[in-house]
Amino acid sequence: MRAALARPLAAFVTSLVLTLGAAQAQNTSTKFETTTVVAGTPLILNGSGTRHRAVFKVYDMALYTAKKVSKVDELLALPGPKRLNFVALRELPSTELGRLFLKGMGENSSKDLMTKHALASTRLIEVFSAKAKLMPGDSFAMEFVPGKGTQFFITGKAQGEPVGDAEFFSMILKIWVGPSPADNLLRDALLGG
């Protein structure tokens, strides 16, 4: 009898947790702008969400594209500039954040691609290592401009010169939307789900 009651209760609790998690991923505490301009191209907010790690909120994140997309393949094939905005929700050691981004790239891209883009990937870690830690409310961003590469920003300031190409920026995007995303609910939120 207990086993018969336990199964429906477990299913209900699982459903409730997933529903609440989806709501959390789409309701960020950060109010992101609905539009931005990158290299003279107007971009719209495709989606935003919160990165959770265990029970902690790590950062809010927004994805800007030239047009709305709801599927990963549409996003990766979309030409033109793109932008990722982040706002730290807790103290984040910058070097660790850079390493986690690199790990996410490795989990979603082939070893050949990682080797091909090793220089640009190293630049990502250098950018984040330049600041010891990000504090709650600090912003950072990654912006792709065709023909120029990916520009990194910390608290609104450009960090060095752009690096990589469209393939490299796709590797960055795959941290959140690839086959092994950092957070499934965040992936869905970024894709407007």
N, C-alpha and C. Protein backbone atom coordinates (compact mmCIF):
# COMPACT_ATOMS: atom_id res chain seq x y z
N MET A 1 0.82 -1.19 0.00
CA MET A 1 0.00 0.00 0.00
C MET A 1 0.87 1.26 0.00
N ARG A 2 1.89 1.26 0.86
CA ARG A 2 2.77 2.43 0.92
C ARG A 2 3.48 2.67 -0.41
N ALA A 3 3.95 1.60 -1.03
CA ALA A 3 4.63 1.73 -2.32
C ALA A 3 3.70 2.30 -3.37
N ALA A 4 2.44 1.90 -3.34
CA ALA A 4 1.45 2.40 -4.30
C ALA A 4 1.21 3.89 -4.11
N LEU A 5 1.24 4.37 -2.87
CA LEU A 5 1.07 5.80 -2.61
C LEU A 5 2.35 6.59 -2.86
N ALA A 6 3.48 5.94 -2.63
CA ALA A 6 4.76 6.64 -2.78
C ALA A 6 5.04 7.03 -4.23
N ARG A 7 4.69 6.17 -5.18
CA ARG A 7 4.97 6.46 -6.59
C ARG A 7 4.25 7.71 -7.08
N PRO A 8 2.93 7.84 -6.87
CA PRO A 8 2.25 9.06 -7.32
C PRO A 8 2.76 10.30 -6.60
N LEU A 9 3.08 10.16 -5.30
CA LEU A 9 3.61 11.30 -4.55
C LEU A 9 4.95 11.72 -5.11
N ALA A 10 5.84 10.75 -5.40
CA ALA A 10 7.15 11.05 -5.97
C ALA A 10 7.00 11.72 -7.33
N ALA A 11 6.09 11.24 -8.14
CA ALA A 11 5.86 11.85 -9.46
C ALA A 11 5.36 13.28 -9.33
N PHE A 12 4.47 13.51 -8.38
CA PHE A 12 3.95 14.86 -8.15
C PHE A 12 5.07 15.80 -7.70
N VAL A 13 5.89 15.35 -6.75
CA VAL A 13 6.98 16.19 -6.24
C VAL A 13 7.97 16.49 -7.36
N THR A 14 8.33 15.49 -8.16
CA THR A 14 9.24 15.70 -9.29
C THR A 14 8.65 16.72 -10.26
N SER A 15 7.39 16.59 -10.58
CA SER A 15 6.72 17.53 -11.49
C SER A 15 6.73 18.94 -10.92
N LEU A 16 6.46 19.05 -9.63
CA LEU A 16 6.45 20.37 -8.98
C LEU A 16 7.83 21.00 -9.01
N VAL A 17 8.87 20.22 -8.71
CA VAL A 17 10.25 20.75 -8.72
C VAL A 17 10.63 21.22 -10.12
N LEU A 18 10.30 20.42 -11.15
CA LEU A 18 10.62 20.82 -12.52
C LEU A 18 9.87 22.07 -12.93
N THR A 19 8.61 22.18 -12.55
CA THR A 19 7.82 23.36 -12.87
C THR A 19 8.37 24.60 -12.18
N LEU A 20 8.68 24.48 -10.90
CA LEU A 20 9.25 25.62 -10.17
C LEU A 20 10.62 25.99 -10.72
N GLY A 21 11.42 24.96 -11.07
CA GLY A 21 12.74 25.23 -11.64
C GLY A 21 12.64 25.98 -12.95
N ALA A 22 11.68 25.60 -13.80
CA ALA A 22 11.50 26.30 -15.07
C ALA A 22 11.09 27.74 -14.83
N ALA A 23 10.23 27.96 -13.86
CA ALA A 23 9.82 29.33 -13.55
C ALA A 23 11.01 30.14 -13.05
N GLN A 24 11.85 29.54 -12.20
CA GLN A 24 13.03 30.25 -11.70
C GLN A 24 13.97 30.60 -12.84
N ALA A 25 14.17 29.68 -13.77
CA ALA A 25 15.13 29.91 -14.86
C ALA A 25 14.68 31.06 -15.75
N GLN A 26 13.37 31.30 -15.85
CA GLN A 26 12.88 32.34 -16.74
C GLN A 26 12.62 33.66 -16.03
N ASN A 27 12.57 33.65 -14.74
CA ASN A 27 12.30 34.87 -13.99
C ASN A 27 13.59 35.34 -13.33
N THR A 28 14.36 36.11 -14.05
CA THR A 28 15.62 36.59 -13.51
C THR A 28 15.37 37.78 -12.60
N SER A 29 16.28 37.97 -11.65
CA SER A 29 16.19 39.15 -10.80
C SER A 29 16.74 40.37 -11.53
N THR A 30 17.48 40.13 -12.61
CA THR A 30 18.04 41.21 -13.43
C THR A 30 17.04 41.59 -14.50
N LYS A 31 16.82 42.87 -14.67
CA LYS A 31 15.95 43.35 -15.74
C LYS A 31 16.82 43.69 -16.96
N PHE A 32 16.92 42.74 -17.86
CA PHE A 32 17.72 42.95 -19.07
C PHE A 32 16.95 43.83 -20.06
N GLU A 33 17.67 44.65 -20.79
CA GLU A 33 17.07 45.46 -21.85
C GLU A 33 16.47 44.52 -22.90
N THR A 34 15.40 44.95 -23.55
CA THR A 34 14.78 44.12 -24.58
C THR A 34 15.49 44.21 -25.92
N THR A 35 16.31 45.24 -26.09
CA THR A 35 17.09 45.39 -27.33
C THR A 35 18.48 45.92 -26.99
N THR A 36 19.39 45.71 -27.92
CA THR A 36 20.73 46.28 -27.83
C THR A 36 21.24 46.42 -29.26
N VAL A 37 22.36 47.09 -29.42
CA VAL A 37 22.96 47.25 -30.75
C VAL A 37 24.40 46.77 -30.68
N VAL A 38 24.78 45.92 -31.62
CA VAL A 38 26.15 45.41 -31.71
C VAL A 38 26.65 45.67 -33.12
N ALA A 39 27.74 46.43 -33.23
CA ALA A 39 28.34 46.76 -34.53
C ALA A 39 27.30 47.33 -35.49
N GLY A 40 26.42 48.19 -34.98
CA GLY A 40 25.42 48.85 -35.81
C GLY A 40 24.20 47.98 -36.14
N THR A 41 24.17 46.75 -35.64
CA THR A 41 23.05 45.84 -35.90
C THR A 41 22.14 45.78 -34.68
N PRO A 42 20.87 46.10 -34.84
CA PRO A 42 19.94 45.96 -33.70
C PRO A 42 19.71 44.49 -33.37
N LEU A 43 19.80 44.17 -32.09
CA LEU A 43 19.55 42.82 -31.61
C LEU A 43 18.39 42.85 -30.62
N ILE A 44 17.67 41.74 -30.54
CA ILE A 44 16.56 41.63 -29.60
C ILE A 44 16.87 40.55 -28.57
N LEU A 45 16.24 40.68 -27.42
CA LEU A 45 16.40 39.70 -26.36
C LEU A 45 15.73 38.41 -26.79
N ASN A 46 16.52 37.38 -27.03
CA ASN A 46 15.97 36.09 -27.43
C ASN A 46 15.44 35.33 -26.22
N GLY A 47 16.14 35.46 -25.10
CA GLY A 47 15.72 34.80 -23.87
C GLY A 47 16.67 35.13 -22.75
N SER A 48 16.22 34.92 -21.51
CA SER A 48 17.07 35.15 -20.34
C SER A 48 16.70 34.16 -19.26
N GLY A 49 17.64 33.90 -18.38
CA GLY A 49 17.41 32.96 -17.30
C GLY A 49 18.48 33.05 -16.25
N THR A 50 18.38 32.20 -15.27
CA THR A 50 19.31 32.18 -14.15
C THR A 50 20.06 30.86 -14.14
N ARG A 51 21.37 30.95 -14.00
CA ARG A 51 22.21 29.75 -13.88
C ARG A 51 22.20 29.32 -12.42
N HIS A 52 21.73 28.09 -12.19
CA HIS A 52 21.72 27.52 -10.85
C HIS A 52 22.82 26.46 -10.78
N ARG A 53 23.47 26.40 -9.65
CA ARG A 53 24.43 25.33 -9.38
C ARG A 53 24.07 24.79 -8.01
N ALA A 54 23.59 23.56 -7.98
CA ALA A 54 23.00 22.97 -6.78
C ALA A 54 21.81 23.86 -6.39
N VAL A 55 21.82 24.41 -5.19
CA VAL A 55 20.69 25.25 -4.76
C VAL A 55 21.01 26.74 -4.90
N PHE A 56 22.20 27.07 -5.40
CA PHE A 56 22.62 28.47 -5.47
C PHE A 56 22.35 29.09 -6.82
N LYS A 57 21.95 30.35 -6.81
CA LYS A 57 21.85 31.14 -8.04
C LYS A 57 23.24 31.72 -8.29
N VAL A 58 23.78 31.48 -9.49
CA VAL A 58 25.15 31.88 -9.80
C VAL A 58 25.17 33.20 -10.57
N TYR A 59 24.44 33.25 -11.69
CA TYR A 59 24.36 34.47 -12.48
C TYR A 59 23.07 34.47 -13.29
N ASP A 60 22.64 35.68 -13.63
CA ASP A 60 21.56 35.86 -14.60
C ASP A 60 22.23 36.04 -15.95
N MET A 61 21.54 35.62 -16.99
CA MET A 61 22.13 35.62 -18.33
C MET A 61 21.08 35.97 -19.36
N ALA A 62 21.48 36.71 -20.39
CA ALA A 62 20.59 37.06 -21.50
C ALA A 62 21.29 36.80 -22.83
N LEU A 63 20.53 36.33 -23.79
CA LEU A 63 21.02 36.09 -25.15
C LEU A 63 20.33 37.05 -26.09
N TYR A 64 21.13 37.78 -26.88
CA TYR A 64 20.60 38.72 -27.88
C TYR A 64 20.96 38.23 -29.27
N THR A 65 19.97 38.25 -30.17
CA THR A 65 20.15 37.82 -31.56
C THR A 65 19.43 38.79 -32.49
N ALA A 66 19.71 38.67 -33.78
CA ALA A 66 19.08 39.56 -34.76
C ALA A 66 17.60 39.22 -34.95
N LYS A 67 17.23 37.96 -34.74
CA LYS A 67 15.82 37.56 -34.80
C LYS A 67 15.61 36.45 -33.79
N LYS A 68 14.36 36.27 -33.38
CA LYS A 68 14.04 35.24 -32.38
C LYS A 68 14.27 33.84 -32.97
N VAL A 69 14.90 33.00 -32.17
CA VAL A 69 15.09 31.60 -32.53
C VAL A 69 14.68 30.76 -31.31
N SER A 70 14.20 29.55 -31.57
CA SER A 70 13.78 28.70 -30.47
C SER A 70 14.45 27.33 -30.48
N LYS A 71 15.30 27.11 -31.48
CA LYS A 71 16.00 25.83 -31.57
C LYS A 71 17.50 26.06 -31.65
N VAL A 72 18.25 25.12 -31.10
CA VAL A 72 19.71 25.24 -31.06
C VAL A 72 20.29 25.38 -32.45
N ASP A 73 19.86 24.53 -33.39
CA ASP A 73 20.43 24.59 -34.75
C ASP A 73 20.14 25.92 -35.42
N GLU A 74 18.97 26.52 -35.14
CA GLU A 74 18.65 27.85 -35.69
C GLU A 74 19.61 28.90 -35.11
N LEU A 75 19.85 28.81 -33.81
CA LEU A 75 20.76 29.76 -33.16
C LEU A 75 22.16 29.66 -33.72
N LEU A 76 22.68 28.45 -33.82
CA LEU A 76 24.06 28.27 -34.29
C LEU A 76 24.22 28.63 -35.77
N ALA A 77 23.16 28.51 -36.56
CA ALA A 77 23.21 28.85 -37.98
C ALA A 77 22.90 30.32 -38.25
N LEU A 78 22.38 31.03 -37.25
CA LEU A 78 21.98 32.42 -37.44
C LEU A 78 23.20 33.30 -37.72
N PRO A 79 23.23 33.98 -38.87
CA PRO A 79 24.37 34.85 -39.16
C PRO A 79 24.27 36.17 -38.40
N GLY A 80 25.37 36.89 -38.39
CA GLY A 80 25.37 38.23 -37.80
C GLY A 80 25.81 38.26 -36.36
N PRO A 81 25.84 39.48 -35.79
CA PRO A 81 26.28 39.64 -34.41
C PRO A 81 25.35 38.95 -33.42
N LYS A 82 25.92 38.60 -32.26
CA LYS A 82 25.17 38.03 -31.14
C LYS A 82 25.82 38.55 -29.86
N ARG A 83 25.06 38.54 -28.79
CA ARG A 83 25.62 39.02 -27.51
C ARG A 83 25.07 38.18 -26.36
N LEU A 84 25.95 37.90 -25.41
CA LEU A 84 25.59 37.26 -24.16
C LEU A 84 25.89 38.24 -23.03
N ASN A 85 24.89 38.57 -22.23
CA ASN A 85 25.07 39.44 -21.06
C ASN A 85 24.91 38.60 -19.80
N PHE A 86 25.71 38.89 -18.80
CA PHE A 86 25.66 38.18 -17.54
C PHE A 86 25.69 39.18 -16.39
N VAL A 87 25.04 38.83 -15.29
CA VAL A 87 25.13 39.60 -14.05
C VAL A 87 25.37 38.60 -12.93
N ALA A 88 26.48 38.76 -12.20
CA ALA A 88 26.80 37.86 -11.09
C ALA A 88 25.78 38.02 -9.97
N LEU A 89 25.35 36.92 -9.41
CA LEU A 89 24.38 36.95 -8.31
C LEU A 89 25.04 36.57 -6.98
N ARG A 90 26.28 36.15 -7.06
CA ARG A 90 27.06 35.81 -5.87
C ARG A 90 28.53 36.07 -6.18
N GLU A 91 29.36 36.04 -5.19
CA GLU A 91 30.79 36.24 -5.41
C GLU A 91 31.32 35.08 -6.25
N LEU A 92 31.98 35.41 -7.36
CA LEU A 92 32.49 34.40 -8.28
C LEU A 92 33.99 34.59 -8.48
N PRO A 93 34.81 33.61 -8.10
CA PRO A 93 36.24 33.70 -8.42
C PRO A 93 36.39 33.68 -9.94
N SER A 94 36.97 34.72 -10.50
CA SER A 94 37.00 34.88 -11.96
C SER A 94 37.75 33.77 -12.66
N THR A 95 38.89 33.34 -12.11
CA THR A 95 39.66 32.28 -12.76
C THR A 95 38.84 31.00 -12.82
N GLU A 96 38.13 30.69 -11.74
CA GLU A 96 37.29 29.49 -11.71
C GLU A 96 36.18 29.59 -12.75
N LEU A 97 35.59 30.78 -12.89
CA LEU A 97 34.54 30.98 -13.88
C LEU A 97 35.09 30.73 -15.28
N GLY A 98 36.27 31.26 -15.59
CA GLY A 98 36.90 31.02 -16.88
C GLY A 98 37.16 29.55 -17.13
N ARG A 99 37.62 28.85 -16.10
CA ARG A 99 37.88 27.41 -16.24
C ARG A 99 36.58 26.63 -16.47
N LEU A 100 35.50 27.03 -15.77
CA LEU A 100 34.22 26.36 -15.98
C LEU A 100 33.70 26.58 -17.39
N PHE A 101 33.89 27.80 -17.92
CA PHE A 101 33.49 28.06 -19.30
C PHE A 101 34.29 27.17 -20.25
N LEU A 102 35.59 27.06 -20.02
CA LEU A 102 36.44 26.23 -20.86
C LEU A 102 36.01 24.76 -20.76
N LYS A 103 35.69 24.31 -19.57
CA LYS A 103 35.21 22.93 -19.37
C LYS A 103 33.91 22.72 -20.15
N GLY A 104 33.00 23.69 -20.07
CA GLY A 104 31.74 23.60 -20.80
C GLY A 104 31.95 23.54 -22.30
N MET A 105 32.93 24.29 -22.79
CA MET A 105 33.25 24.23 -24.22
C MET A 105 33.75 22.83 -24.58
N GLY A 106 34.63 22.28 -23.74
CA GLY A 106 35.18 20.95 -24.00
C GLY A 106 34.14 19.85 -23.97
N GLU A 107 33.12 20.01 -23.13
CA GLU A 107 32.06 19.00 -23.03
C GLU A 107 31.08 19.07 -24.20
N ASN A 108 31.12 20.15 -24.97
CA ASN A 108 30.15 20.34 -26.05
C ASN A 108 30.78 20.51 -27.42
N SER A 109 32.10 20.37 -27.49
CA SER A 109 32.81 20.51 -28.77
C SER A 109 33.86 19.41 -28.88
N SER A 110 34.20 19.07 -30.09
CA SER A 110 35.19 18.01 -30.32
C SER A 110 36.58 18.45 -29.87
N LYS A 111 37.44 17.46 -29.63
CA LYS A 111 38.83 17.76 -29.26
C LYS A 111 39.53 18.52 -30.38
N ASP A 112 39.20 18.18 -31.63
CA ASP A 112 39.81 18.87 -32.77
C ASP A 112 39.47 20.37 -32.74
N LEU A 113 38.19 20.69 -32.46
CA LEU A 113 37.79 22.10 -32.38
C LEU A 113 38.47 22.79 -31.20
N MET A 114 38.57 22.10 -30.07
CA MET A 114 39.23 22.69 -28.91
C MET A 114 40.69 23.00 -29.23
N THR A 115 41.35 22.09 -29.94
CA THR A 115 42.75 22.31 -30.33
C THR A 115 42.83 23.46 -31.33
N LYS A 116 41.94 23.47 -32.30
CA LYS A 116 41.93 24.52 -33.33
C LYS A 116 41.76 25.91 -32.71
N HIS A 117 40.96 26.00 -31.65
CA HIS A 117 40.66 27.30 -31.04
C HIS A 117 41.32 27.48 -29.67
N ALA A 118 42.45 26.80 -29.48
CA ALA A 118 43.15 26.85 -28.18
C ALA A 118 43.59 28.28 -27.83
N LEU A 119 44.07 29.03 -28.80
CA LEU A 119 44.54 30.39 -28.53
C LEU A 119 43.39 31.29 -28.06
N ALA A 120 42.26 31.24 -28.75
CA ALA A 120 41.11 32.05 -28.36
C ALA A 120 40.57 31.59 -27.00
N SER A 121 40.59 30.27 -26.75
CA SER A 121 40.12 29.74 -25.48
C SER A 121 41.01 30.20 -24.33
N THR A 122 42.31 30.24 -24.58
CA THR A 122 43.25 30.73 -23.57
C THR A 122 42.97 32.18 -23.26
N ARG A 123 42.60 32.94 -24.26
CA ARG A 123 42.28 34.36 -24.06
C ARG A 123 41.08 34.51 -23.13
N LEU A 124 40.11 33.62 -23.25
CA LEU A 124 38.93 33.65 -22.38
C LEU A 124 39.37 33.53 -20.91
N ILE A 125 40.26 32.59 -20.62
CA ILE A 125 40.74 32.42 -19.24
C ILE A 125 41.54 33.64 -18.80
N GLU A 126 42.37 34.19 -19.67
CA GLU A 126 43.16 35.38 -19.32
C GLU A 126 42.26 36.56 -18.96
N VAL A 127 41.19 36.73 -19.72
CA VAL A 127 40.27 37.84 -19.47
C VAL A 127 39.70 37.74 -18.06
N PHE A 128 39.21 36.56 -17.72
CA PHE A 128 38.61 36.41 -16.40
C PHE A 128 39.64 36.41 -15.29
N SER A 129 40.87 35.98 -15.58
CA SER A 129 41.92 35.98 -14.56
C SER A 129 42.40 37.38 -14.23
N ALA A 130 42.14 38.34 -15.10
CA ALA A 130 42.60 39.72 -14.88
C ALA A 130 41.91 40.36 -13.68
N LYS A 131 40.74 39.86 -13.30
CA LYS A 131 40.01 40.39 -12.15
C LYS A 131 39.85 39.23 -11.17
N ALA A 132 40.29 39.41 -9.94
CA ALA A 132 40.31 38.31 -8.97
C ALA A 132 38.94 37.68 -8.78
N LYS A 133 37.91 38.51 -8.64
CA LYS A 133 36.57 37.96 -8.46
C LYS A 133 35.53 38.94 -8.94
N LEU A 134 34.40 38.39 -9.29
CA LEU A 134 33.23 39.20 -9.63
C LEU A 134 32.33 39.19 -8.40
N MET A 135 31.83 40.35 -8.07
CA MET A 135 30.96 40.48 -6.90
C MET A 135 29.50 40.52 -7.36
N PRO A 136 28.56 40.23 -6.46
CA PRO A 136 27.15 40.31 -6.85
C PRO A 136 26.83 41.66 -7.48
N GLY A 137 26.19 41.62 -8.64
CA GLY A 137 25.85 42.85 -9.37
C GLY A 137 26.84 43.19 -10.46
N ASP A 138 28.06 42.62 -10.42
CA ASP A 138 29.04 42.86 -11.49
C ASP A 138 28.53 42.23 -12.78
N SER A 139 28.79 42.90 -13.89
CA SER A 139 28.35 42.39 -15.19
C SER A 139 29.56 41.95 -16.02
N PHE A 140 29.30 41.02 -16.91
CA PHE A 140 30.29 40.65 -17.92
C PHE A 140 29.51 40.24 -19.16
N ALA A 141 30.20 40.28 -20.30
CA ALA A 141 29.51 40.01 -21.56
C ALA A 141 30.47 39.42 -22.58
N MET A 142 29.91 38.78 -23.56
CA MET A 142 30.64 38.26 -24.72
C MET A 142 29.85 38.65 -25.94
N GLU A 143 30.53 39.26 -26.88
CA GLU A 143 29.86 39.82 -28.06
C GLU A 143 30.57 39.34 -29.31
N PHE A 144 29.82 38.77 -30.24
CA PHE A 144 30.42 38.31 -31.50
C PHE A 144 30.07 39.27 -32.62
N VAL A 145 31.09 39.68 -33.37
CA VAL A 145 30.91 40.52 -34.56
C VAL A 145 31.58 39.79 -35.72
N PRO A 146 30.82 39.44 -36.78
CA PRO A 146 31.42 38.76 -37.93
C PRO A 146 32.59 39.56 -38.50
N GLY A 147 33.65 38.82 -38.85
CA GLY A 147 34.83 39.45 -39.41
C GLY A 147 35.78 40.04 -38.36
N LYS A 148 35.32 40.16 -37.11
CA LYS A 148 36.17 40.70 -36.04
C LYS A 148 36.43 39.67 -34.96
N GLY A 149 35.41 38.91 -34.56
CA GLY A 149 35.59 37.90 -33.54
C GLY A 149 34.77 38.18 -32.29
N THR A 150 35.19 37.57 -31.20
CA THR A 150 34.48 37.67 -29.93
C THR A 150 35.19 38.67 -29.03
N GLN A 151 34.43 39.65 -28.57
CA GLN A 151 34.94 40.66 -27.64
C GLN A 151 34.41 40.33 -26.25
N PHE A 152 35.30 40.33 -25.27
CA PHE A 152 34.90 40.09 -23.89
C PHE A 152 34.83 41.42 -23.16
N PHE A 153 33.84 41.54 -22.27
CA PHE A 153 33.66 42.74 -21.47
C PHE A 153 33.53 42.34 -20.00
N ILE A 154 34.13 43.12 -19.12
CA ILE A 154 33.91 42.97 -17.68
C ILE A 154 33.53 44.33 -17.15
N THR A 155 32.42 44.39 -16.46
CA THR A 155 31.81 45.63 -15.96
C THR A 155 31.78 46.72 -17.04
N GLY A 156 31.38 46.31 -18.23
CA GLY A 156 31.19 47.25 -19.33
C GLY A 156 32.45 47.65 -20.08
N LYS A 157 33.62 47.20 -19.65
CA LYS A 157 34.87 47.59 -20.30
C LYS A 157 35.39 46.45 -21.17
N ALA A 158 35.72 46.80 -22.43
CA ALA A 158 36.27 45.80 -23.35
C ALA A 158 37.61 45.31 -22.81
N GLN A 159 37.83 44.00 -22.92
CA GLN A 159 39.06 43.38 -22.42
C GLN A 159 39.91 42.94 -23.61
N GLY A 160 40.85 43.79 -23.99
CA GLY A 160 41.73 43.45 -25.11
C GLY A 160 41.01 43.49 -26.44
N GLU A 161 41.60 42.81 -27.40
CA GLU A 161 41.07 42.76 -28.77
C GLU A 161 40.15 41.54 -28.95
N PRO A 162 39.23 41.60 -29.93
CA PRO A 162 38.39 40.44 -30.22
C PRO A 162 39.24 39.24 -30.65
N VAL A 163 38.75 38.04 -30.36
CA VAL A 163 39.47 36.81 -30.73
C VAL A 163 38.50 35.84 -31.40
N GLY A 164 39.07 34.89 -32.13
CA GLY A 164 38.29 33.80 -32.71
C GLY A 164 37.43 34.22 -33.89
N ASP A 165 36.57 33.28 -34.28
CA ASP A 165 35.68 33.47 -35.42
C ASP A 165 34.28 32.98 -35.05
N ALA A 166 33.41 32.83 -36.04
CA ALA A 166 32.03 32.39 -35.77
C ALA A 166 32.01 30.99 -35.15
N GLU A 167 32.89 30.14 -35.58
CA GLU A 167 32.96 28.78 -35.03
C GLU A 167 33.31 28.83 -33.54
N PHE A 168 34.24 29.70 -33.16
CA PHE A 168 34.61 29.84 -31.76
C PHE A 168 33.43 30.35 -30.93
N PHE A 169 32.69 31.33 -31.46
CA PHE A 169 31.55 31.84 -30.70
C PHE A 169 30.46 30.77 -30.58
N SER A 170 30.31 29.94 -31.59
CA SER A 170 29.36 28.81 -31.49
C SER A 170 29.78 27.86 -30.38
N MET A 171 31.10 27.67 -30.22
CA MET A 171 31.59 26.83 -29.12
C MET A 171 31.22 27.46 -27.77
N ILE A 172 31.32 28.78 -27.68
CA ILE A 172 30.93 29.47 -26.45
C ILE A 172 29.43 29.27 -26.21
N LEU A 173 28.61 29.50 -27.23
CA LEU A 173 27.16 29.33 -27.07
C LEU A 173 26.80 27.92 -26.60
N LYS A 174 27.53 26.93 -27.08
CA LYS A 174 27.23 25.55 -26.74
C LYS A 174 27.44 25.25 -25.25
N ILE A 175 28.17 26.11 -24.53
CA ILE A 175 28.29 25.93 -23.08
C ILE A 175 26.88 25.87 -22.48
N TRP A 176 25.97 26.68 -23.02
CA TRP A 176 24.62 26.78 -22.48
C TRP A 176 23.56 26.09 -23.33
N VAL A 177 23.82 25.87 -24.63
CA VAL A 177 22.79 25.28 -25.49
C VAL A 177 23.24 23.99 -26.18
N GLY A 178 24.44 23.52 -25.88
CA GLY A 178 24.97 22.33 -26.54
C GLY A 178 24.36 21.04 -26.00
N PRO A 179 24.88 19.90 -26.42
CA PRO A 179 24.34 18.62 -25.99
C PRO A 179 24.48 18.37 -24.48
N SER A 180 25.47 18.98 -23.85
CA SER A 180 25.65 18.87 -22.39
C SER A 180 25.66 20.28 -21.80
N PRO A 181 24.50 20.95 -21.78
CA PRO A 181 24.46 22.34 -21.34
C PRO A 181 24.77 22.48 -19.85
N ALA A 182 25.28 23.65 -19.48
CA ALA A 182 25.58 23.92 -18.07
C ALA A 182 24.34 23.79 -17.20
N ASP A 183 23.17 24.10 -17.77
CA ASP A 183 21.92 24.09 -17.01
C ASP A 183 20.78 23.94 -18.02
N ASN A 184 20.07 22.82 -17.97
CA ASN A 184 19.01 22.54 -18.95
C ASN A 184 17.89 23.60 -18.92
N LEU A 185 17.50 24.02 -17.73
CA LEU A 185 16.44 25.02 -17.63
C LEU A 185 16.88 26.36 -18.19
N LEU A 186 18.15 26.70 -17.97
CA LEU A 186 18.68 27.94 -18.52
C LEU A 186 18.72 27.86 -20.05
N ARG A 187 19.12 26.72 -20.59
CA ARG A 187 19.10 26.55 -22.05
C ARG A 187 17.72 26.83 -22.61
N ASP A 188 16.72 26.24 -21.99
CA ASP A 188 15.34 26.44 -22.47
C ASP A 188 14.93 27.91 -22.38
N ALA A 189 15.33 28.57 -21.30
CA ALA A 189 14.99 29.98 -21.11
C ALA A 189 15.67 30.85 -22.16
N LEU A 190 16.93 30.57 -22.48
CA LEU A 190 17.66 31.36 -23.48
C LEU A 190 17.04 31.20 -24.86
N LEU A 191 16.45 30.03 -25.09
CA LEU A 191 15.79 29.78 -26.38
C LEU A 191 14.33 30.19 -26.36
N GLY A 192 13.97 31.00 -25.38
CA GLY A 192 12.63 31.57 -25.33
C GLY A 192 11.56 30.61 -24.82
N GLY A 193 12.00 29.49 -24.22
CA GLY A 193 11.04 28.47 -23.75
C GLY A 193 10.37 28.83 -22.44
